[in-house]
Amino acid sequence: MNHSLTGCQGELANKEFKLYIEDEDGNVIRDEMVKTPANGFIDLWLPRDKSYQIKIEHEGKKVEQEISTFEKDPTCITTMQLM
C-alpha cells in the first residue's frame, strides 16, 4: 500500500517509541526515541533498494519486522503490531 498523508490515521498518535533500524549489512541506521505526529505514523526515509530489520518498542511491547525499499515495495507499512 502507498501512504497518503491526508487519508491515513494510525492508532497511536503523539506517542514516543524506541526505534532501531539495521540494514542488511548490519549497519545501524537509526537507534533513537521518536514521537509519532497526529496521524500516528512513524515517518521514515530510508535508502532505496535495500532490506532493513526494524524494531519498535512502546510501553513494554515490541515488534520486529523486515522491510525493504525496492521499487514494488509498499510505502506504508500497517502490519506491524506491538505485542
PDB file of N, CA and C in Angstrom:
ATOM      1  N   MET A   1       0.850  -1.165   0.000  1.00  0.00           N
ATOM      2  CA  MET A   1       0.000   0.000   0.000  1.00  0.00           C
ATOM      3  C   MET A   1       0.901   1.235   0.000  1.00  0.00           C
ATOM      4  N   ASN A   2       0.446   2.268  -0.650  1.00  0.00           N
ATOM      5  CA  ASN A   2       1.154   3.538  -0.641  1.00  0.00           C
ATOM      6  C   ASN A   2       0.470   4.477   0.341  1.00  0.00           C
ATOM      7  N   HIS A   3       1.256   5.176   1.083  1.00  0.00           N
ATOM      8  CA  HIS A   3       0.753   6.047   2.145  1.00  0.00           C
ATOM      9  C   HIS A   3       0.214   7.359   1.586  1.00  0.00           C
ATOM     10  N   SER A   4      -0.898   7.772   2.124  1.00  0.00           N
ATOM     11  CA  SER A   4      -1.469   9.071   1.790  1.00  0.00           C
ATOM     12  C   SER A   4      -1.507   9.901   3.063  1.00  0.00           C
ATOM     13  N   LEU A   5      -0.729  10.957   3.107  1.00  0.00           N
ATOM     14  CA  LEU A   5      -0.655  11.772   4.319  1.00  0.00           C
ATOM     15  C   LEU A   5      -2.004  12.348   4.726  1.00  0.00           C
ATOM     16  N   THR A   6      -2.885  12.539   3.781  1.00  0.00           N
ATOM     17  CA  THR A   6      -4.179  13.136   4.112  1.00  0.00           C
ATOM     18  C   THR A   6      -5.249  12.106   4.425  1.00  0.00           C
ATOM     19  N   GLY A   7      -5.009  10.827   4.121  1.00  0.00           N
ATOM     20  CA  GLY A   7      -6.078   9.850   4.288  1.00  0.00           C
ATOM     21  C   GLY A   7      -5.798   8.718   5.246  1.00  0.00           C
ATOM     22  N   CYS A   8      -4.628   8.649   5.853  1.00  0.00           N
ATOM     23  CA  CYS A   8      -4.301   7.547   6.753  1.00  0.00           C
ATOM     24  C   CYS A   8      -4.236   8.031   8.201  1.00  0.00           C
ATOM     25  N   GLN A   9      -4.713   7.199   9.121  1.00  0.00           N
ATOM     26  CA  GLN A   9      -4.658   7.534  10.542  1.00  0.00           C
ATOM     27  C   GLN A   9      -4.208   6.308  11.328  1.00  0.00           C
ATOM     28  N   GLY A  10      -3.064   6.425  12.015  1.00  0.00           N
ATOM     29  CA  GLY A  10      -2.564   5.359  12.860  1.00  0.00           C
ATOM     30  C   GLY A  10      -3.233   5.401  14.221  1.00  0.00           C
ATOM     31  N   GLU A  11      -3.094   4.310  14.979  1.00  0.00           N
ATOM     32  CA  GLU A  11      -3.765   4.187  16.270  1.00  0.00           C
ATOM     33  C   GLU A  11      -3.070   4.932  17.407  1.00  0.00           C
ATOM     34  N   LEU A  12      -1.752   5.088  17.340  1.00  0.00           N
ATOM     35  CA  LEU A  12      -1.006   5.649  18.466  1.00  0.00           C
ATOM     36  C   LEU A  12      -0.412   7.011  18.114  1.00  0.00           C
ATOM     37  N   ALA A  13      -1.260   8.008  18.093  1.00  0.00           N
ATOM     38  CA  ALA A  13      -0.831   9.369  17.778  1.00  0.00           C
ATOM     39  C   ALA A  13      -0.167  10.024  18.979  1.00  0.00           C
ATOM     40  N   ASN A  14       0.840  10.829  18.714  1.00  0.00           N
ATOM     41  CA  ASN A  14       1.546  11.613  19.735  1.00  0.00           C
ATOM     42  C   ASN A  14       2.112  10.753  20.859  1.00  0.00           C
ATOM     43  N   LYS A  15       2.702   9.620  20.495  1.00  0.00           N
ATOM     44  CA  LYS A  15       3.309   8.691  21.463  1.00  0.00           C
ATOM     45  C   LYS A  15       4.791   8.535  21.144  1.00  0.00           C
ATOM     46  N   GLU A  16       5.586   8.233  22.186  1.00  0.00           N
ATOM     47  CA  GLU A  16       7.017   8.025  21.992  1.00  0.00           C
ATOM     48  C   GLU A  16       7.330   6.540  21.853  1.00  0.00           C
ATOM     49  N   PHE A  17       8.241   6.242  20.946  1.00  0.00           N
ATOM     50  CA  PHE A  17       8.650   4.879  20.650  1.00  0.00           C
ATOM     51  C   PHE A  17      10.164   4.795  20.593  1.00  0.00           C
ATOM     52  N   LYS A  18      10.703   3.640  20.954  1.00  0.00           N
ATOM     53  CA  LYS A  18      12.117   3.340  20.755  1.00  0.00           C
ATOM     54  C   LYS A  18      12.210   2.710  19.376  1.00  0.00           C
ATOM     55  N   LEU A  19      13.001   3.291  18.501  1.00  0.00           N
ATOM     56  CA  LEU A  19      13.134   2.835  17.120  1.00  0.00           C
ATOM     57  C   LEU A  19      14.568   2.391  16.864  1.00  0.00           C
ATOM     58  N   TYR A  20      14.705   1.191  16.314  1.00  0.00           N
ATOM     59  CA  TYR A  20      16.023   0.657  15.952  1.00  0.00           C
ATOM     60  C   TYR A  20      15.924   0.093  14.540  1.00  0.00           C
ATOM     61  N   ILE A  21      16.810   0.550  13.657  1.00  0.00           N
ATOM     62  CA  ILE A  21      16.821   0.063  12.274  1.00  0.00           C
ATOM     63  C   ILE A  21      18.254  -0.318  11.898  1.00  0.00           C
ATOM     64  N   GLU A  22      18.372  -1.526  11.346  1.00  0.00           N
ATOM     65  CA  GLU A  22      19.660  -2.029  10.906  1.00  0.00           C
ATOM     66  C   GLU A  22      19.522  -2.456   9.450  1.00  0.00           C
ATOM     67  N   ASP A  23      20.526  -2.137   8.622  1.00  0.00           N
ATOM     68  CA  ASP A  23      20.451  -2.557   7.222  1.00  0.00           C
ATOM     69  C   ASP A  23      20.948  -3.983   7.060  1.00  0.00           C
ATOM     70  N   GLU A  24      20.877  -4.497   5.836  1.00  0.00           N
ATOM     71  CA  GLU A  24      21.228  -5.887   5.556  1.00  0.00           C
ATOM     72  C   GLU A  24      22.700  -6.210   5.799  1.00  0.00           C
ATOM     73  N   ASP A  25      23.526  -5.176   5.920  1.00  0.00           N
ATOM     74  CA  ASP A  25      24.956  -5.372   6.197  1.00  0.00           C
ATOM     75  C   ASP A  25      25.285  -5.238   7.676  1.00  0.00           C
ATOM     76  N   GLY A  26      24.265  -5.029   8.511  1.00  0.00           N
ATOM     77  CA  GLY A  26      24.485  -4.896   9.946  1.00  0.00           C
ATOM     78  C   GLY A  26      24.786  -3.483  10.405  1.00  0.00           C
ATOM     79  N   ASN A  27      24.678  -2.506   9.509  1.00  0.00           N
ATOM     80  CA  ASN A  27      24.906  -1.108   9.878  1.00  0.00           C
ATOM     81  C   ASN A  27      23.671  -0.549  10.582  1.00  0.00           C
ATOM     82  N   VAL A  28      23.877   0.116  11.708  1.00  0.00           N
ATOM     83  CA  VAL A  28      22.771   0.738  12.425  1.00  0.00           C
ATOM     84  C   VAL A  28      22.412   2.035  11.711  1.00  0.00           C
ATOM     85  N   ILE A  29      21.157   2.105  11.255  1.00  0.00           N
ATOM     86  CA  ILE A  29      20.670   3.275  10.531  1.00  0.00           C
ATOM     87  C   ILE A  29      20.057   4.281  11.503  1.00  0.00           C
ATOM     88  N   ARG A  30      19.263   3.775  12.442  1.00  0.00           N
ATOM     89  CA  ARG A  30      18.661   4.640  13.469  1.00  0.00           C
ATOM     90  C   ARG A  30      18.575   3.853  14.768  1.00  0.00           C
ATOM     91  N   ASP A  31      18.834   4.528  15.865  1.00  0.00           N
ATOM     92  CA  ASP A  31      18.713   3.959  17.205  1.00  0.00           C
ATOM     93  C   ASP A  31      18.370   5.134  18.113  1.00  0.00           C
ATOM     94  N   GLU A  32      17.063   5.405  18.249  1.00  0.00           N
ATOM     95  CA  GLU A  32      16.653   6.618  18.942  1.00  0.00           C
ATOM     96  C   GLU A  32      15.194   6.547  19.380  1.00  0.00           C
ATOM     97  N   MET A  33      14.810   7.505  20.179  1.00  0.00           N
ATOM     98  CA  MET A  33      13.410   7.682  20.538  1.00  0.00           C
ATOM     99  C   MET A  33      12.780   8.580  19.481  1.00  0.00           C
ATOM    100  N   VAL A  34      11.567   8.212  19.042  1.00  0.00           N
ATOM    101  CA  VAL A  34      10.823   9.024  18.083  1.00  0.00           C
ATOM    102  C   VAL A  34       9.405   9.221  18.608  1.00  0.00           C
ATOM    103  N   LYS A  35       8.776  10.279  18.187  1.00  0.00           N
ATOM    104  CA  LYS A  35       7.395  10.565  18.585  1.00  0.00           C
ATOM    105  C   LYS A  35       6.529  10.622  17.336  1.00  0.00           C
ATOM    106  N   THR A  36       5.414   9.916  17.381  1.00  0.00           N
ATOM    107  CA  THR A  36       4.503   9.951  16.245  1.00  0.00           C
ATOM    108  C   THR A  36       3.775  11.286  16.221  1.00  0.00           C
ATOM    109  N   PRO A  37       3.529  11.805  15.043  1.00  0.00           N
ATOM    110  CA  PRO A  37       2.730  13.030  14.936  1.00  0.00           C
ATOM    111  C   PRO A  37       1.243  12.697  15.098  1.00  0.00           C
ATOM    112  N   ALA A  38       0.393  13.654  14.827  1.00  0.00           N
ATOM    113  CA  ALA A  38      -1.056  13.497  14.999  1.00  0.00           C
ATOM    114  C   ALA A  38      -1.637  12.383  14.134  1.00  0.00           C
ATOM    115  N   ASN A  39      -0.968  12.022  13.027  1.00  0.00           N
ATOM    116  CA  ASN A  39      -1.506  10.953  12.185  1.00  0.00           C
ATOM    117  C   ASN A  39      -1.142   9.555  12.697  1.00  0.00           C
ATOM    118  N   GLY A  40      -0.309   9.469  13.751  1.00  0.00           N
ATOM    119  CA  GLY A  40       0.007   8.192  14.372  1.00  0.00           C
ATOM    120  C   GLY A  40       1.041   7.339  13.663  1.00  0.00           C
ATOM    121  N   PHE A  41       1.693   7.852  12.634  1.00  0.00           N
ATOM    122  CA  PHE A  41       2.677   7.072  11.892  1.00  0.00           C
ATOM    123  C   PHE A  41       4.093   7.521  12.227  1.00  0.00           C
ATOM    124  N   ILE A  42       5.018   6.571  12.217  1.00  0.00           N
ATOM    125  CA  ILE A  42       6.439   6.892  12.302  1.00  0.00           C
ATOM    126  C   ILE A  42       6.888   7.092  10.859  1.00  0.00           C
ATOM    127  N   ASP A  43       7.302   8.289  10.530  1.00  0.00           N
ATOM    128  CA  ASP A  43       7.671   8.640   9.164  1.00  0.00           C
ATOM    129  C   ASP A  43       9.156   8.343   8.968  1.00  0.00           C
ATOM    130  N   LEU A  44       9.473   7.420   8.061  1.00  0.00           N
ATOM    131  CA  LEU A  44      10.859   7.034   7.816  1.00  0.00           C
ATOM    132  C   LEU A  44      11.242   7.285   6.364  1.00  0.00           C
ATOM    133  N   TRP A  45      12.436   7.785   6.165  1.00  0.00           N
ATOM    134  CA  TRP A  45      13.005   7.910   4.837  1.00  0.00           C
ATOM    135  C   TRP A  45      14.258   7.054   4.829  1.00  0.00           C
ATOM    136  N   LEU A  46      14.232   5.965   4.069  1.00  0.00           N
ATOM    137  CA  LEU A  46      15.345   5.022   4.024  1.00  0.00           C
ATOM    138  C   LEU A  46      15.862   4.914   2.594  1.00  0.00           C
ATOM    139  N   PRO A  47      17.168   4.658   2.435  1.00  0.00           N
ATOM    140  CA  PRO A  47      17.724   4.498   1.090  1.00  0.00           C
ATOM    141  C   PRO A  47      17.021   3.380   0.313  1.00  0.00           C
ATOM    142  N   ARG A  48      16.885   3.598  -0.991  1.00  0.00           N
ATOM    143  CA  ARG A  48      16.192   2.643  -1.868  1.00  0.00           C
ATOM    144  C   ARG A  48      17.009   1.380  -2.100  1.00  0.00           C
ATOM    145  N   ASP A  49      16.268   0.341  -2.506  1.00  0.00           N
ATOM    146  CA  ASP A  49      16.854  -0.921  -2.961  1.00  0.00           C
ATOM    147  C   ASP A  49      17.672  -1.636  -1.893  1.00  0.00           C
ATOM    148  N   LYS A  50      17.161  -1.619  -0.668  1.00  0.00           N
ATOM    149  CA  LYS A  50      17.811  -2.318   0.437  1.00  0.00           C
ATOM    150  C   LYS A  50      16.751  -2.970   1.317  1.00  0.00           C
ATOM    151  N   SER A  51      17.208  -3.899   2.164  1.00  0.00           N
ATOM    152  CA  SER A  51      16.347  -4.524   3.177  1.00  0.00           C
ATOM    153  C   SER A  51      16.804  -4.057   4.550  1.00  0.00           C
ATOM    154  N   TYR A  52      15.850  -3.942   5.470  1.00  0.00           N
ATOM    155  CA  TYR A  52      16.128  -3.435   6.811  1.00  0.00           C
ATOM    156  C   TYR A  52      15.405  -4.273   7.857  1.00  0.00           C
ATOM    157  N   GLN A  53      16.034  -4.443   8.994  1.00  0.00           N
ATOM    158  CA  GLN A  53      15.404  -5.059  10.153  1.00  0.00           C
ATOM    159  C   GLN A  53      14.981  -3.907  11.066  1.00  0.00           C
ATOM    160  N   ILE A  54      13.699  -3.831  11.375  1.00  0.00           N
ATOM    161  CA  ILE A  54      13.178  -2.741  12.192  1.00  0.00           C
ATOM    162  C   ILE A  54      12.641  -3.296  13.496  1.00  0.00           C
ATOM    163  N   LYS A  55      13.002  -2.641  14.607  1.00  0.00           N
ATOM    164  CA  LYS A  55      12.478  -2.973  15.929  1.00  0.00           C
ATOM    165  C   LYS A  55      11.851  -1.710  16.512  1.00  0.00           C
ATOM    166  N   ILE A  56      10.631  -1.853  17.009  1.00  0.00           N
ATOM    167  CA  ILE A  56       9.917  -0.733  17.622  1.00  0.00           C
ATOM    168  C   ILE A  56       9.421  -1.186  18.982  1.00  0.00           C
ATOM    169  N   GLU A  57       9.617  -0.353  20.013  1.00  0.00           N
ATOM    170  CA  GLU A  57       9.156  -0.657  21.368  1.00  0.00           C
ATOM    171  C   GLU A  57       8.354   0.514  21.912  1.00  0.00           C
ATOM    172  N   HIS A  58       7.303   0.168  22.683  1.00  0.00           N
ATOM    173  CA  HIS A  58       6.459   1.185  23.315  1.00  0.00           C
ATOM    174  C   HIS A  58       5.786   0.568  24.533  1.00  0.00           C
ATOM    175  N   GLU A  59       6.022   1.155  25.688  1.00  0.00           N
ATOM    176  CA  GLU A  59       5.401   0.733  26.944  1.00  0.00           C
ATOM    177  C   GLU A  59       5.493  -0.778  27.181  1.00  0.00           C
ATOM    178  N   GLY A  60       6.692  -1.329  26.997  1.00  0.00           N
ATOM    179  CA  GLY A  60       6.933  -2.743  27.261  1.00  0.00           C
ATOM    180  C   GLY A  60       6.518  -3.687  26.144  1.00  0.00           C
ATOM    181  N   LYS A  61       5.892  -3.179  25.117  1.00  0.00           N
ATOM    182  CA  LYS A  61       5.506  -4.011  23.975  1.00  0.00           C
ATOM    183  C   LYS A  61       6.462  -3.729  22.831  1.00  0.00           C
ATOM    184  N   LYS A  62       6.664  -4.751  21.982  1.00  0.00           N
ATOM    185  CA  LYS A  62       7.589  -4.542  20.870  1.00  0.00           C
ATOM    186  C   LYS A  62       7.175  -5.331  19.643  1.00  0.00           C
ATOM    187  N   VAL A  63       7.747  -4.931  18.536  1.00  0.00           N
ATOM    188  CA  VAL A  63       7.537  -5.607  17.264  1.00  0.00           C
ATOM    189  C   VAL A  63       8.843  -5.542  16.485  1.00  0.00           C
ATOM    190  N   GLU A  64       9.082  -6.590  15.714  1.00  0.00           N
ATOM    191  CA  GLU A  64      10.272  -6.640  14.872  1.00  0.00           C
ATOM    192  C   GLU A  64       9.837  -7.165  13.512  1.00  0.00           C
ATOM    193  N   GLN A  65      10.310  -6.516  12.461  1.00  0.00           N
ATOM    194  CA  GLN A  65       9.907  -6.932  11.117  1.00  0.00           C
ATOM    195  C   GLN A  65      10.968  -6.504  10.120  1.00  0.00           C
ATOM    196  N   GLU A  66      11.124  -7.284   9.069  1.00  0.00           N
ATOM    197  CA  GLU A  66      11.998  -6.886   7.973  1.00  0.00           C
ATOM    198  C   GLU A  66      11.153  -6.149   6.949  1.00  0.00           C
ATOM    199  N   ILE A  67      11.667  -5.035   6.471  1.00  0.00           N
ATOM    200  CA  ILE A  67      11.023  -4.316   5.372  1.00  0.00           C
ATOM    201  C   ILE A  67      12.085  -4.037   4.316  1.00  0.00           C
ATOM    202  N   SER A  68      11.642  -3.692   3.126  1.00  0.00           N
ATOM    203  CA  SER A  68      12.588  -3.355   2.069  1.00  0.00           C
ATOM    204  C   SER A  68      12.069  -2.163   1.276  1.00  0.00           C
ATOM    205  N   THR A  69      12.981  -1.580   0.516  1.00  0.00           N
ATOM    206  CA  THR A  69      12.661  -0.344  -0.204  1.00  0.00           C
ATOM    207  C   THR A  69      12.892  -0.489  -1.709  1.00  0.00           C
ATOM    208  N   PHE A  70      12.550  -1.674  -2.231  1.00  0.00           N
ATOM    209  CA  PHE A  70      12.681  -1.884  -3.657  1.00  0.00           C
ATOM    210  C   PHE A  70      11.471  -1.285  -4.380  1.00  0.00           C
ATOM    211  N   GLU A  71      11.566  -1.131  -5.677  1.00  0.00           N
ATOM    212  CA  GLU A  71      10.569  -0.398  -6.459  1.00  0.00           C
ATOM    213  C   GLU A  71       9.124  -0.847  -6.224  1.00  0.00           C
ATOM    214  N   LYS A  72       8.861  -2.115  -6.092  1.00  0.00           N
ATOM    215  CA  LYS A  72       7.490  -2.625  -5.946  1.00  0.00           C
ATOM    216  C   LYS A  72       7.034  -2.726  -4.486  1.00  0.00           C
ATOM    217  N   ASP A  73       7.891  -2.366  -3.533  1.00  0.00           N
ATOM    218  CA  ASP A  73       7.546  -2.484  -2.112  1.00  0.00           C
ATOM    219  C   ASP A  73       6.574  -1.389  -1.682  1.00  0.00           C
ATOM    220  N   PRO A  74       5.715  -1.698  -0.701  1.00  0.00           N
ATOM    221  CA  PRO A  74       4.774  -0.682  -0.210  1.00  0.00           C
ATOM    222  C   PRO A  74       5.499   0.450   0.510  1.00  0.00           C
ATOM    223  N   THR A  75       4.910   1.630   0.462  1.00  0.00           N
ATOM    224  CA  THR A  75       5.496   2.776   1.161  1.00  0.00           C
ATOM    225  C   THR A  75       4.801   3.032   2.487  1.00  0.00           C
ATOM    226  N   CYS A  76       3.762   2.269   2.777  1.00  0.00           N
ATOM    227  CA  CYS A  76       3.031   2.412   4.039  1.00  0.00           C
ATOM    228  C   CYS A  76       2.908   1.021   4.648  1.00  0.00           C
ATOM    229  N   ILE A  77       3.571   0.803   5.774  1.00  0.00           N
ATOM    230  CA  ILE A  77       3.548  -0.493   6.445  1.00  0.00           C
ATOM    231  C   ILE A  77       2.560  -0.405   7.596  1.00  0.00           C
ATOM    232  N   THR A  78       1.493  -1.163   7.527  1.00  0.00           N
ATOM    233  CA  THR A  78       0.465  -1.118   8.570  1.00  0.00           C
ATOM    234  C   THR A  78       0.305  -2.469   9.274  1.00  0.00           C
ATOM    235  N   THR A  79       1.238  -3.396   9.020  1.00  0.00           N
ATOM    236  CA  THR A  79       1.116  -4.742   9.564  1.00  0.00           C
ATOM    237  C   THR A  79       1.907  -4.946  10.861  1.00  0.00           C
ATOM    238  N   MET A  80       2.658  -3.963  11.286  1.00  0.00           N
ATOM    239  CA  MET A  80       3.469  -4.127  12.495  1.00  0.00           C
ATOM    240  C   MET A  80       2.604  -3.882  13.726  1.00  0.00           C
ATOM    241  N   GLN A  81       2.453  -4.919  14.551  1.00  0.00           N
ATOM    242  CA  GLN A  81       1.599  -4.842  15.725  1.00  0.00           C
ATOM    243  C   GLN A  81       2.425  -5.039  16.988  1.00  0.00           C
ATOM    244  N   LEU A  82       2.371  -4.093  17.906  1.00  0.00           N
ATOM    245  CA  LEU A  82       3.074  -4.199  19.174  1.00  0.00           C
ATOM    246  C   LEU A  82       2.449  -5.303  20.010  1.00  0.00           C
ATOM    247  N   MET A  83       3.299  -6.178  20.556  1.00  0.00           N
ATOM    248  CA  MET A  83       2.800  -7.286  21.368  1.00  0.00           C
ATOM    249  C   MET A  83       3.588  -7.356  22.654  1.00  0.00           C
TER     250      MET A  83
END
